[in-house]
Amino acid sequence: KIRVQSGILTLIFILLALAPVTFSKYWVNILTEVLIMGLFAMAFNLLFGFSGLLSFGQAAPFGIGAYVTALLIQHKLGGLLVVIGLSTFIALLASIILGFLCVRRDDIFFAMLSLALGMMLYTIVHNRRDVTGGSDGLPVFGTPSLNLFGLSLNIKSYVNLYYLVFVIFLLGAFFIYVIIKSPHGLIMTSVRENKLRFTFSGGNVNNVRLFVFSIAGMISGLCGSLYCIFTRVASSEMLYWSFSAKPVLMTILGGSGTLFSPAVGSLIFFGLEQLITAYTTNWMIFLGAILVPVVLFFSKEVLGTFLGFFEGKKR
């Protein structure tokens, strides 16, 4: 099974690395969005799949990262790496505050708290048109070049932007992998499996959850920053509850059992969107119809079922 997974991941890595020389600009832009949202879904899965926390408020740090990026670029406050780094850091600070309010509750109460706080933030941003642009958002012009090792790369080039997102996706995935395999990852899993036993052994559940919530928020803020650079706008819609539902749907489609499952869900999500919108604009209705059999019949989720089929063929 490990060999099959490694082979598939290697093939996908090669295809993604060669995407700009293989596909047209349109499909490269689609893949750029897939990678950003895939990392966003993987951040959500740190909470859901590995910690047992269902959050409907992941759009909050995502939107914060996007708006901070837009404001910094508009006022020309730093180079590209400074903009992305500062946006990610502020999203981390906001996640610590939001997490402190959410992690004290379990299950549906945690989900509703995260949703309520996210919608409060959306309302504030939506109503402060003088600062945030309201429903029109903040347009991003004059994105600074990426200066690294004496090289200056123009991010307005879709190829350069794709490779920037691709590298950050790999680094983000590696960072999540390190957390999962570290003692913190084992602690997260133990809290998910048996919260009471962890408490009786002297552990602090709230501290563990706050750590995971903060890390997931930080990565979500990073994705928001990249998404703002990609779309060249920061919109209040990025903070709306329906945007928080996207990583949930991607995780359901791809699965929550492995590191890259949500990223596979992102690929399926945008693939279905492109396929269905070729015939109708009501693509979400058909996506919902597809989700029902996925939840009912794919007991190991899409990636797990696919790998299981591969294993059966091999035998």
C-alpha atoms as a PDB file:
ATOM      1  CA  LYS A   1       0.000   0.000   0.000  1.00  0.00           C
ATOM      2  CA  ILE A   2       2.820   2.389   0.888  1.00  0.00           C
ATOM      3  CA  ARG A   3       4.518   1.588  -2.425  1.00  0.00           C
ATOM      4  CA  VAL A   4       1.305   2.305  -4.344  1.00  0.00           C
ATOM      5  CA  GLN A   5       0.826   5.609  -2.502  1.00  0.00           C
ATOM      6  CA  SER A   6       4.437   6.634  -3.147  1.00  0.00           C
ATOM      7  CA  GLY A   7       4.109   5.800  -6.842  1.00  0.00           C
ATOM      8  CA  ILE A   8       0.907   7.804  -7.226  1.00  0.00           C
ATOM      9  CA  LEU A   9       2.329  10.792  -5.321  1.00  0.00           C
ATOM     10  CA  THR A  10       5.510  10.733  -7.422  1.00  0.00           C
ATOM     11  CA  LEU A  11       3.476  10.680 -10.638  1.00  0.00           C
ATOM     12  CA  ILE A  12       1.306  13.579  -9.438  1.00  0.00           C
ATOM     13  CA  PHE A  13       4.416  15.538  -8.388  1.00  0.00           C
ATOM     14  CA  ILE A  14       5.953  15.136 -11.859  1.00  0.00           C
ATOM     15  CA  LEU A  15       2.713  16.153 -13.580  1.00  0.00           C
ATOM     16  CA  LEU A  16       2.364  19.242 -11.373  1.00  0.00           C
ATOM     17  CA  ALA A  17       6.013  20.211 -11.841  1.00  0.00           C
ATOM     18  CA  LEU A  18       5.609  20.045 -15.632  1.00  0.00           C
ATOM     19  CA  ALA A  19       2.135  21.635 -15.741  1.00  0.00           C
ATOM     20  CA  PRO A  20       3.174  25.050 -17.182  1.00  0.00           C
ATOM     21  CA  VAL A  21       4.933  23.395 -20.132  1.00  0.00           C
ATOM     22  CA  THR A  22       2.181  20.810 -20.611  1.00  0.00           C
ATOM     23  CA  PHE A  23      -1.094  22.702 -20.196  1.00  0.00           C
ATOM     24  CA  SER A  24      -2.512  25.991 -21.453  1.00  0.00           C
ATOM     25  CA  LYS A  25      -2.668  29.154 -19.338  1.00  0.00           C
ATOM     26  CA  TYR A  26      -6.306  28.423 -18.466  1.00  0.00           C
ATOM     27  CA  TRP A  27      -5.556  25.014 -16.955  1.00  0.00           C
ATOM     28  CA  VAL A  28      -2.419  26.236 -15.198  1.00  0.00           C
ATOM     29  CA  ASN A  29      -4.559  28.877 -13.470  1.00  0.00           C
ATOM     30  CA  ILE A  30      -7.046  26.167 -12.488  1.00  0.00           C
ATOM     31  CA  LEU A  31      -4.203  24.095 -11.014  1.00  0.00           C
ATOM     32  CA  THR A  32      -2.912  27.154  -9.147  1.00  0.00           C
ATOM     33  CA  GLU A  33      -6.304  27.495  -7.469  1.00  0.00           C
ATOM     34  CA  VAL A  34      -6.428  23.735  -6.821  1.00  0.00           C
ATOM     35  CA  LEU A  35      -3.078  23.895  -4.991  1.00  0.00           C
ATOM     36  CA  ILE A  36      -4.067  26.911  -2.877  1.00  0.00           C
ATOM     37  CA  MET A  37      -7.416  25.434  -1.899  1.00  0.00           C
ATOM     38  CA  GLY A  38      -5.850  21.994  -1.468  1.00  0.00           C
ATOM     39  CA  LEU A  39      -3.461  23.357   1.164  1.00  0.00           C
ATOM     40  CA  PHE A  40      -6.413  25.193   2.735  1.00  0.00           C
ATOM     41  CA  ALA A  41      -8.314  21.884   2.963  1.00  0.00           C
ATOM     42  CA  MET A  42      -5.245  20.152   4.428  1.00  0.00           C
ATOM     43  CA  ALA A  43      -5.103  22.849   7.122  1.00  0.00           C
ATOM     44  CA  PHE A  44      -8.775  22.219   7.897  1.00  0.00           C
ATOM     45  CA  ASN A  45      -8.057  18.495   8.075  1.00  0.00           C
ATOM     46  CA  LEU A  46      -5.541  19.108  10.863  1.00  0.00           C
ATOM     47  CA  LEU A  47      -8.571  20.131  12.899  1.00  0.00           C
ATOM     48  CA  PHE A  48     -11.110  17.673  11.553  1.00  0.00           C
ATOM     49  CA  GLY A  49      -9.272  14.518  10.544  1.00  0.00           C
ATOM     50  CA  PHE A  50      -6.457  14.495  13.070  1.00  0.00           C
ATOM     51  CA  SER A  51      -8.047  16.321  16.022  1.00  0.00           C
ATOM     52  CA  GLY A  52     -11.764  15.579  15.674  1.00  0.00           C
ATOM     53  CA  LEU A  53     -12.829  19.244  15.549  1.00  0.00           C
ATOM     54  CA  LEU A  54     -15.331  20.340  12.905  1.00  0.00           C
ATOM     55  CA  SER A  55     -14.789  24.037  12.197  1.00  0.00           C
ATOM     56  CA  PHE A  56     -17.128  26.156  10.106  1.00  0.00           C
ATOM     57  CA  GLY A  57     -14.971  29.238  10.610  1.00  0.00           C
ATOM     58  CA  GLN A  58     -11.799  28.528   8.629  1.00  0.00           C
ATOM     59  CA  ALA A  59     -12.728  31.318   6.234  1.00  0.00           C
ATOM     60  CA  ALA A  60     -11.910  33.794   9.035  1.00  0.00           C
ATOM     61  CA  PRO A  61      -8.095  33.365   9.034  1.00  0.00           C
ATOM     62  CA  PHE A  62      -8.201  32.816   5.257  1.00  0.00           C
ATOM     63  CA  GLY A  63      -9.952  36.155   4.762  1.00  0.00           C
ATOM     64  CA  ILE A  64      -7.671  37.905   7.251  1.00  0.00           C
ATOM     65  CA  GLY A  65      -4.638  36.708   5.305  1.00  0.00           C
ATOM     66  CA  ALA A  66      -6.202  37.958   2.070  1.00  0.00           C
ATOM     67  CA  TYR A  67      -7.124  41.407   3.413  1.00  0.00           C
ATOM     68  CA  VAL A  68      -3.778  42.010   5.123  1.00  0.00           C
ATOM     69  CA  THR A  69      -2.057  41.103   1.852  1.00  0.00           C
ATOM     70  CA  ALA A  70      -4.257  43.500  -0.124  1.00  0.00           C
ATOM     71  CA  LEU A  71      -3.657  46.369   2.322  1.00  0.00           C
ATOM     72  CA  LEU A  72       0.103  45.810   2.422  1.00  0.00           C
ATOM     73  CA  ILE A  73       0.365  45.706  -1.371  1.00  0.00           C
ATOM     74  CA  GLN A  74      -1.876  48.752  -1.805  1.00  0.00           C
ATOM     75  CA  HIS A  75       0.329  50.776   0.553  1.00  0.00           C
ATOM     76  CA  LYS A  76       3.561  49.248  -0.824  1.00  0.00           C
ATOM     77  CA  LEU A  77       4.686  48.021   2.599  1.00  0.00           C
ATOM     78  CA  GLY A  78       7.380  45.468   1.837  1.00  0.00           C
ATOM     79  CA  GLY A  79       8.400  42.902  -0.739  1.00  0.00           C
ATOM     80  CA  LEU A  80       6.381  39.850  -1.660  1.00  0.00           C
ATOM     81  CA  LEU A  81       7.854  37.499   0.961  1.00  0.00           C
ATOM     82  CA  VAL A  82       7.390  40.155   3.659  1.00  0.00           C
ATOM     83  CA  VAL A  83       3.763  40.617   2.593  1.00  0.00           C
ATOM     84  CA  ILE A  84       3.036  36.879   2.640  1.00  0.00           C
ATOM     85  CA  GLY A  85       4.932  36.348   5.910  1.00  0.00           C
ATOM     86  CA  LEU A  86       3.266  39.250   7.733  1.00  0.00           C
ATOM     87  CA  SER A  87      -0.196  38.236   6.489  1.00  0.00           C
ATOM     88  CA  THR A  88       0.400  34.693   7.740  1.00  0.00           C
ATOM     89  CA  PHE A  89       1.623  35.958  11.121  1.00  0.00           C
ATOM     90  CA  ILE A  90      -1.406  38.214  11.649  1.00  0.00           C
ATOM     91  CA  ALA A  91      -3.704  35.326  10.702  1.00  0.00           C
ATOM     92  CA  LEU A  92      -1.896  33.253  13.345  1.00  0.00           C
ATOM     93  CA  LEU A  93      -2.483  35.910  16.020  1.00  0.00           C
ATOM     94  CA  ALA A  94      -6.164  36.167  15.057  1.00  0.00           C
ATOM     95  CA  SER A  95      -6.483  32.367  15.187  1.00  0.00           C
ATOM     96  CA  ILE A  96      -5.033  32.276  18.698  1.00  0.00           C
ATOM     97  CA  ILE A  97      -7.690  34.767  19.833  1.00  0.00           C
ATOM     98  CA  LEU A  98     -10.541  32.986  18.033  1.00  0.00           C
ATOM     99  CA  GLY A  99      -9.283  29.600  19.185  1.00  0.00           C
ATOM    100  CA  PHE A 100      -9.162  30.722  22.807  1.00  0.00           C
ATOM    101  CA  LEU A 101     -12.912  31.396  22.563  1.00  0.00           C
ATOM    102  CA  CYS A 102     -13.797  28.213  20.648  1.00  0.00           C
ATOM    103  CA  VAL A 103     -11.755  25.337  22.058  1.00  0.00           C
ATOM    104  CA  ARG A 104     -13.504  25.323  25.425  1.00  0.00           C
ATOM    105  CA  ARG A 105     -16.548  23.720  23.822  1.00  0.00           C
ATOM    106  CA  ASP A 106     -16.995  20.324  22.143  1.00  0.00           C
ATOM    107  CA  ASP A 107     -18.635  18.915  19.032  1.00  0.00           C
ATOM    108  CA  ILE A 108     -21.569  20.935  17.701  1.00  0.00           C
ATOM    109  CA  PHE A 109     -20.947  23.776  20.164  1.00  0.00           C
ATOM    110  CA  PHE A 110     -17.402  24.196  18.839  1.00  0.00           C
ATOM    111  CA  ALA A 111     -18.706  24.144  15.257  1.00  0.00           C
ATOM    112  CA  MET A 112     -21.383  26.750  16.011  1.00  0.00           C
ATOM    113  CA  LEU A 113     -18.950  28.989  17.897  1.00  0.00           C
ATOM    114  CA  SER A 114     -16.485  28.932  15.021  1.00  0.00           C
ATOM    115  CA  LEU A 115     -19.325  29.715  12.603  1.00  0.00           C
ATOM    116  CA  ALA A 116     -20.664  32.569  14.773  1.00  0.00           C
ATOM    117  CA  LEU A 117     -17.259  34.208  15.232  1.00  0.00           C
ATOM    118  CA  GLY A 118     -16.516  33.860  11.532  1.00  0.00           C
ATOM    119  CA  MET A 119     -19.819  35.504  10.591  1.00  0.00           C
ATOM    120  CA  MET A 120     -19.203  38.316  13.085  1.00  0.00           C
ATOM    121  CA  LEU A 121     -15.898  39.011  11.371  1.00  0.00           C
ATOM    122  CA  TYR A 122     -17.575  38.841   7.954  1.00  0.00           C
ATOM    123  CA  THR A 123     -20.200  41.393   9.027  1.00  0.00           C
ATOM    124  CA  ILE A 124     -17.554  43.800  10.334  1.00  0.00           C
ATOM    125  CA  VAL A 125     -15.510  43.556   7.133  1.00  0.00           C
ATOM    126  CA  HIS A 126     -18.598  43.778   4.912  1.00  0.00           C
ATOM    127  CA  ASN A 127     -19.855  46.946   6.635  1.00  0.00           C
ATOM    128  CA  ARG A 128     -16.537  48.831   6.823  1.00  0.00           C
ATOM    129  CA  ARG A 129     -16.512  49.889   3.187  1.00  0.00           C
ATOM    130  CA  ASP A 130     -14.080  52.740   3.871  1.00  0.00           C
ATOM    131  CA  VAL A 131     -11.358  50.267   4.875  1.00  0.00           C
ATOM    132  CA  THR A 132     -12.269  46.938   3.275  1.00  0.00           C
ATOM    133  CA  GLY A 133     -14.254  47.954   0.200  1.00  0.00           C
ATOM    134  CA  GLY A 134     -17.320  46.097   1.464  1.00  0.00           C
ATOM    135  CA  SER A 135     -18.848  43.688  -1.022  1.00  0.00           C
ATOM    136  CA  ASP A 136     -16.650  45.134  -3.794  1.00  0.00           C
ATOM    137  CA  GLY A 137     -13.503  44.136  -1.934  1.00  0.00           C
ATOM    138  CA  LEU A 138     -10.003  45.556  -2.215  1.00  0.00           C
ATOM    139  CA  PRO A 139      -8.404  45.330  -5.655  1.00  0.00           C
ATOM    140  CA  VAL A 140      -4.721  44.445  -5.763  1.00  0.00           C
ATOM    141  CA  PHE A 141      -2.528  46.298  -8.247  1.00  0.00           C
ATOM    142  CA  GLY A 142       1.228  46.403  -8.488  1.00  0.00           C
ATOM    143  CA  THR A 143       2.022  43.073  -6.828  1.00  0.00           C
ATOM    144  CA  PRO A 144       5.727  43.260  -5.893  1.00  0.00           C
ATOM    145  CA  SER A 145       8.207  40.951  -7.562  1.00  0.00           C
ATOM    146  CA  LEU A 146       9.699  37.997  -5.731  1.00  0.00           C
ATOM    147  CA  ASN A 147      13.325  38.796  -4.898  1.00  0.00           C
ATOM    148  CA  LEU A 148      15.206  35.668  -3.894  1.00  0.00           C
ATOM    149  CA  PHE A 149      18.910  34.787  -4.098  1.00  0.00           C
ATOM    150  CA  GLY A 150      19.586  37.801  -6.287  1.00  0.00           C
ATOM    151  CA  LEU A 151      16.808  36.890  -8.712  1.00  0.00           C
ATOM    152  CA  SER A 152      13.716  38.981  -9.358  1.00  0.00           C
ATOM    153  CA  LEU A 153      10.635  37.072 -10.527  1.00  0.00           C
ATOM    154  CA  ASN A 154       7.573  38.891 -11.833  1.00  0.00           C
ATOM    155  CA  ILE A 155       4.568  37.271 -10.109  1.00  0.00           C
ATOM    156  CA  LYS A 156       2.239  38.789 -12.703  1.00  0.00           C
ATOM    157  CA  SER A 157       3.464  35.959 -14.917  1.00  0.00           C
ATOM    158  CA  TYR A 158       1.089  33.030 -14.461  1.00  0.00           C
ATOM    159  CA  VAL A 159       4.000  30.571 -14.743  1.00  0.00           C
ATOM    160  CA  ASN A 160       6.037  32.258 -11.983  1.00  0.00           C
ATOM    161  CA  LEU A 161       2.953  32.505  -9.767  1.00  0.00           C
ATOM    162  CA  TYR A 162       2.169  28.836 -10.326  1.00  0.00           C
ATOM    163  CA  TYR A 163       5.645  27.735  -9.294  1.00  0.00           C
ATOM    164  CA  LEU A 164       5.549  30.015  -6.230  1.00  0.00           C
ATOM    165  CA  VAL A 165       2.258  28.418  -5.158  1.00  0.00           C
ATOM    166  CA  PHE A 166       3.576  24.936  -5.995  1.00  0.00           C
ATOM    167  CA  VAL A 167       6.678  25.390  -3.815  1.00  0.00           C
ATOM    168  CA  ILE A 168       4.657  26.853  -0.926  1.00  0.00           C
ATOM    169  CA  PHE A 169       2.178  23.969  -1.237  1.00  0.00           C
ATOM    170  CA  LEU A 170       5.029  21.453  -0.901  1.00  0.00           C
ATOM    171  CA  LEU A 171       6.535  23.326   2.060  1.00  0.00           C
ATOM    172  CA  GLY A 172       3.114  23.593   3.718  1.00  0.00           C
ATOM    173  CA  ALA A 173       2.436  19.891   3.183  1.00  0.00           C
ATOM    174  CA  PHE A 174       5.850  19.021   4.642  1.00  0.00           C
ATOM    175  CA  PHE A 175       5.163  21.269   7.654  1.00  0.00           C
ATOM    176  CA  ILE A 176       1.822  19.529   8.278  1.00  0.00           C
ATOM    177  CA  TYR A 177       3.509  16.132   7.867  1.00  0.00           C
ATOM    178  CA  VAL A 178       6.135  17.048  10.487  1.00  0.00           C
ATOM    179  CA  ILE A 179       3.397  18.090  12.932  1.00  0.00           C
ATOM    180  CA  ILE A 180       1.416  14.891  12.363  1.00  0.00           C
ATOM    181  CA  LYS A 181       4.481  12.682  12.898  1.00  0.00           C
ATOM    182  CA  SER A 182       5.763  14.667  15.890  1.00  0.00           C
ATOM    183  CA  PRO A 183       4.764  14.060  19.541  1.00  0.00           C
ATOM    184  CA  HIS A 184       2.207  16.851  19.051  1.00  0.00           C
ATOM    185  CA  GLY A 185       0.556  14.738  16.347  1.00  0.00           C
ATOM    186  CA  LEU A 186       0.282  11.761  18.685  1.00  0.00           C
ATOM    187  CA  ILE A 187      -1.217  14.004  21.350  1.00  0.00           C
ATOM    188  CA  MET A 188      -3.743  15.389  18.843  1.00  0.00           C
ATOM    189  CA  THR A 189      -4.791  11.867  17.902  1.00  0.00           C
ATOM    190  CA  SER A 190      -5.094  10.768  21.526  1.00  0.00           C
ATOM    191  CA  VAL A 191      -7.361  13.741  22.292  1.00  0.00           C
ATOM    192  CA  ARG A 192      -9.503  12.855  19.278  1.00  0.00           C
ATOM    193  CA  GLU A 193      -9.764   9.188  20.257  1.00  0.00           C
ATOM    194  CA  ASN A 194     -10.355   9.570  23.994  1.00  0.00           C
ATOM    195  CA  LYS A 195     -10.537  13.034  25.476  1.00  0.00           C
ATOM    196  CA  LEU A 196     -11.410  11.821  28.978  1.00  0.00           C
ATOM    197  CA  ARG A 197      -8.496   9.394  29.184  1.00  0.00           C
ATOM    198  CA  PHE A 198      -6.126  12.148  28.033  1.00  0.00           C
ATOM    199  CA  THR A 199      -7.521  14.470  30.724  1.00  0.00           C
ATOM    200  CA  PHE A 200      -7.212  11.821  33.444  1.00  0.00           C
ATOM    201  CA  SER A 201      -3.584  11.242  32.449  1.00  0.00           C
ATOM    202  CA  GLY A 202      -2.845  14.884  33.256  1.00  0.00           C
ATOM    203  CA  GLY A 203      -3.113  16.425  29.786  1.00  0.00           C
ATOM    204  CA  ASN A 204      -4.736  19.763  29.006  1.00  0.00           C
ATOM    205  CA  VAL A 205      -7.236  19.293  26.175  1.00  0.00           C
ATOM    206  CA  ASN A 206      -7.801  23.020  25.636  1.00  0.00           C
ATOM    207  CA  ASN A 207      -4.086  23.709  25.147  1.00  0.00           C
ATOM    208  CA  VAL A 208      -3.796  20.924  22.565  1.00  0.00           C
ATOM    209  CA  ARG A 209      -6.836  22.171  20.676  1.00  0.00           C
ATOM    210  CA  LEU A 210      -5.625  25.770  20.798  1.00  0.00           C
ATOM    211  CA  PHE A 211      -2.285  24.683  19.325  1.00  0.00           C
ATOM    212  CA  VAL A 212      -3.978  22.823  16.455  1.00  0.00           C
ATOM    213  CA  PHE A 213      -6.503  25.613  15.851  1.00  0.00           C
ATOM    214  CA  SER A 214      -3.707  28.196  15.698  1.00  0.00           C
ATOM    215  CA  ILE A 215      -1.554  26.174  13.294  1.00  0.00           C
ATOM    216  CA  ALA A 216      -4.548  25.453  11.045  1.00  0.00           C
ATOM    217  CA  GLY A 217      -5.442  29.152  11.097  1.00  0.00           C
ATOM    218  CA  MET A 218      -1.881  30.175  10.276  1.00  0.00           C
ATOM    219  CA  ILE A 219      -1.797  27.908   7.207  1.00  0.00           C
ATOM    220  CA  SER A 220      -5.280  29.110   6.214  1.00  0.00           C
ATOM    221  CA  GLY A 221      -4.012  32.707   6.422  1.00  0.00           C
ATOM    222  CA  LEU A 222      -1.086  31.773   4.185  1.00  0.00           C
ATOM    223  CA  CYS A 223      -3.554  30.326   1.667  1.00  0.00           C
ATOM    224  CA  GLY A 224      -5.651  33.491   1.881  1.00  0.00           C
ATOM    225  CA  SER A 225      -2.592  35.597   1.108  1.00  0.00           C
ATOM    226  CA  LEU A 226      -1.760  33.461  -1.933  1.00  0.00           C
ATOM    227  CA  TYR A 227      -5.396  33.504  -3.066  1.00  0.00           C
ATOM    228  CA  CYS A 228      -5.457  37.306  -2.885  1.00  0.00           C
ATOM    229  CA  ILE A 229      -2.298  37.506  -5.004  1.00  0.00           C
ATOM    230  CA  PHE A 230      -3.790  34.981  -7.438  1.00  0.00           C
ATOM    231  CA  THR A 231      -7.224  36.606  -7.840  1.00  0.00           C
ATOM    232  CA  ARG A 232      -5.860  40.159  -7.343  1.00  0.00           C
ATOM    233  CA  VAL A 233      -8.656  41.034  -4.958  1.00  0.00           C
ATOM    234  CA  ALA A 234      -9.587  40.569  -1.304  1.00  0.00           C
ATOM    235  CA  SER A 235     -13.348  40.178  -0.984  1.00  0.00           C
ATOM    236  CA  SER A 236     -15.639  39.918   2.027  1.00  0.00           C
ATOM    237  CA  GLU A 237     -17.027  36.754   0.407  1.00  0.00           C
ATOM    238  CA  MET A 238     -13.780  35.060   1.442  1.00  0.00           C
ATOM    239  CA  LEU A 239     -14.987  35.407   5.040  1.00  0.00           C
ATOM    240  CA  TYR A 240     -18.533  34.158   4.438  1.00  0.00           C
ATOM    241  CA  TRP A 241     -19.702  30.828   5.900  1.00  0.00           C
ATOM    242  CA  SER A 242     -20.090  29.261   2.445  1.00  0.00           C
ATOM    243  CA  PHE A 243     -16.363  29.774   1.858  1.00  0.00           C
ATOM    244  CA  SER A 244     -15.698  27.844   5.087  1.00  0.00           C
ATOM    245  CA  ALA A 245     -17.759  25.011   3.610  1.00  0.00           C
ATOM    246  CA  LYS A 246     -15.303  24.563   0.728  1.00  0.00           C
ATOM    247  CA  PRO A 247     -12.550  22.793   2.715  1.00  0.00           C
ATOM    248  CA  VAL A 248     -15.258  20.705   4.388  1.00  0.00           C
ATOM    249  CA  LEU A 249     -16.574  19.560   0.990  1.00  0.00           C
ATOM    250  CA  MET A 250     -13.062  18.921  -0.309  1.00  0.00           C
ATOM    251  CA  THR A 251     -12.230  16.819   2.729  1.00  0.00           C
ATOM    252  CA  ILE A 252     -15.451  14.824   2.312  1.00  0.00           C
ATOM    253  CA  LEU A 253     -14.650  14.250  -1.366  1.00  0.00           C
ATOM    254  CA  GLY A 254     -10.999  13.329  -0.903  1.00  0.00           C
ATOM    255  CA  GLY A 255     -11.098  11.914   2.594  1.00  0.00           C
ATOM    256  CA  SER A 256      -9.619  12.782   5.960  1.00  0.00           C
ATOM    257  CA  GLY A 257      -7.536   9.677   6.547  1.00  0.00           C
ATOM    258  CA  THR A 258      -4.228  10.745   5.002  1.00  0.00           C
ATOM    259  CA  LEU A 259      -2.157  13.888   4.572  1.00  0.00           C
ATOM    260  CA  PHE A 260      -2.951  14.534   0.896  1.00  0.00           C
ATOM    261  CA  SER A 261      -6.563  13.280   0.868  1.00  0.00           C
ATOM    262  CA  PRO A 262      -8.082  16.795   1.151  1.00  0.00           C
ATOM    263  CA  ALA A 263      -5.817  18.017  -1.679  1.00  0.00           C
ATOM    264  CA  VAL A 264      -7.173  15.181  -3.831  1.00  0.00           C
ATOM    265  CA  GLY A 265     -10.627  16.414  -2.823  1.00  0.00           C
ATOM    266  CA  SER A 266      -9.667  19.892  -4.048  1.00  0.00           C
ATOM    267  CA  LEU A 267      -8.705  18.433  -7.430  1.00  0.00           C
ATOM    268  CA  ILE A 268     -12.008  16.515  -7.614  1.00  0.00           C
ATOM    269  CA  PHE A 269     -13.973  19.611  -6.509  1.00  0.00           C
ATOM    270  CA  PHE A 270     -12.558  21.905  -9.190  1.00  0.00           C
ATOM    271  CA  GLY A 271     -12.561  19.134 -11.775  1.00  0.00           C
ATOM    272  CA  LEU A 272     -16.285  18.588 -11.222  1.00  0.00           C
ATOM    273  CA  GLU A 273     -16.866  22.346 -11.299  1.00  0.00           C
ATOM    274  CA  GLN A 274     -15.183  22.638 -14.703  1.00  0.00           C
ATOM    275  CA  LEU A 275     -17.015  19.583 -16.034  1.00  0.00           C
ATOM    276  CA  ILE A 276     -20.485  20.558 -14.827  1.00  0.00           C
ATOM    277  CA  THR A 277     -20.295  24.301 -15.622  1.00  0.00           C
ATOM    278  CA  ALA A 278     -19.717  23.359 -19.257  1.00  0.00           C
ATOM    279  CA  TYR A 279     -23.395  22.314 -19.293  1.00  0.00           C
ATOM    280  CA  THR A 280     -25.110  24.342 -16.549  1.00  0.00           C
ATOM    281  CA  THR A 281     -24.484  27.214 -14.153  1.00  0.00           C
ATOM    282  CA  ASN A 282     -26.243  25.346 -11.316  1.00  0.00           C
ATOM    283  CA  TRP A 283     -23.215  23.156 -10.742  1.00  0.00           C
ATOM    284  CA  MET A 284     -23.545  23.108  -6.930  1.00  0.00           C
ATOM    285  CA  ILE A 285     -26.828  21.176  -7.221  1.00  0.00           C
ATOM    286  CA  PHE A 286     -25.098  18.428  -9.170  1.00  0.00           C
ATOM    287  CA  LEU A 287     -22.113  18.486  -6.814  1.00  0.00           C
ATOM    288  CA  GLY A 288     -24.517  17.878  -3.931  1.00  0.00           C
ATOM    289  CA  ALA A 289     -26.042  14.964  -5.838  1.00  0.00           C
ATOM    290  CA  ILE A 290     -22.541  13.502  -6.272  1.00  0.00           C
ATOM    291  CA  LEU A 291     -21.667  13.967  -2.582  1.00  0.00           C
ATOM    292  CA  VAL A 292     -24.573  11.779  -1.432  1.00  0.00           C
ATOM    293  CA  PRO A 293     -23.310   8.492  -2.971  1.00  0.00           C
ATOM    294  CA  VAL A 294     -19.722   9.404  -1.992  1.00  0.00           C
ATOM    295  CA  VAL A 295     -20.732   9.633   1.670  1.00  0.00           C
ATOM    296  CA  LEU A 296     -23.006   6.563   1.506  1.00  0.00           C
ATOM    297  CA  PHE A 297     -20.932   4.119  -0.527  1.00  0.00           C
ATOM    298  CA  PHE A 298     -17.283   5.172  -0.294  1.00  0.00           C
ATOM    299  CA  SER A 299     -16.639   3.847   3.204  1.00  0.00           C
ATOM    300  CA  LYS A 300     -12.897   4.570   2.926  1.00  0.00           C
ATOM    301  CA  GLU A 301     -13.526   7.869   1.135  1.00  0.00           C
ATOM    302  CA  VAL A 302     -12.411   8.458  -2.457  1.00  0.00           C
ATOM    303  CA  LEU A 303      -8.639   8.149  -2.066  1.00  0.00           C
ATOM    304  CA  GLY A 304      -8.862   5.199   0.321  1.00  0.00           C
ATOM    305  CA  THR A 305     -11.310   3.373  -1.960  1.00  0.00           C
ATOM    306  CA  PHE A 306      -9.097   4.013  -4.982  1.00  0.00           C
ATOM    307  CA  LEU A 307      -6.004   2.703  -3.191  1.00  0.00           C
ATOM    308  CA  GLY A 308      -7.979  -0.321  -1.972  1.00  0.00           C
ATOM    309  CA  PHE A 309      -9.062  -1.071  -5.544  1.00  0.00           C
ATOM    310  CA  PHE A 310      -5.439  -0.778  -6.666  1.00  0.00           C
ATOM    311  CA  GLU A 311      -4.356  -3.213  -3.952  1.00  0.00           C
ATOM    312  CA  GLY A 312      -7.060  -5.692  -4.962  1.00  0.00           C
ATOM    313  CA  LYS A 313      -5.974  -5.567  -8.608  1.00  0.00           C
ATOM    314  CA  LYS A 314      -2.366  -6.138  -7.597  1.00  0.00           C
ATOM    315  CA  ARG A 315      -3.293  -9.308  -5.720  1.00  0.00           C
END
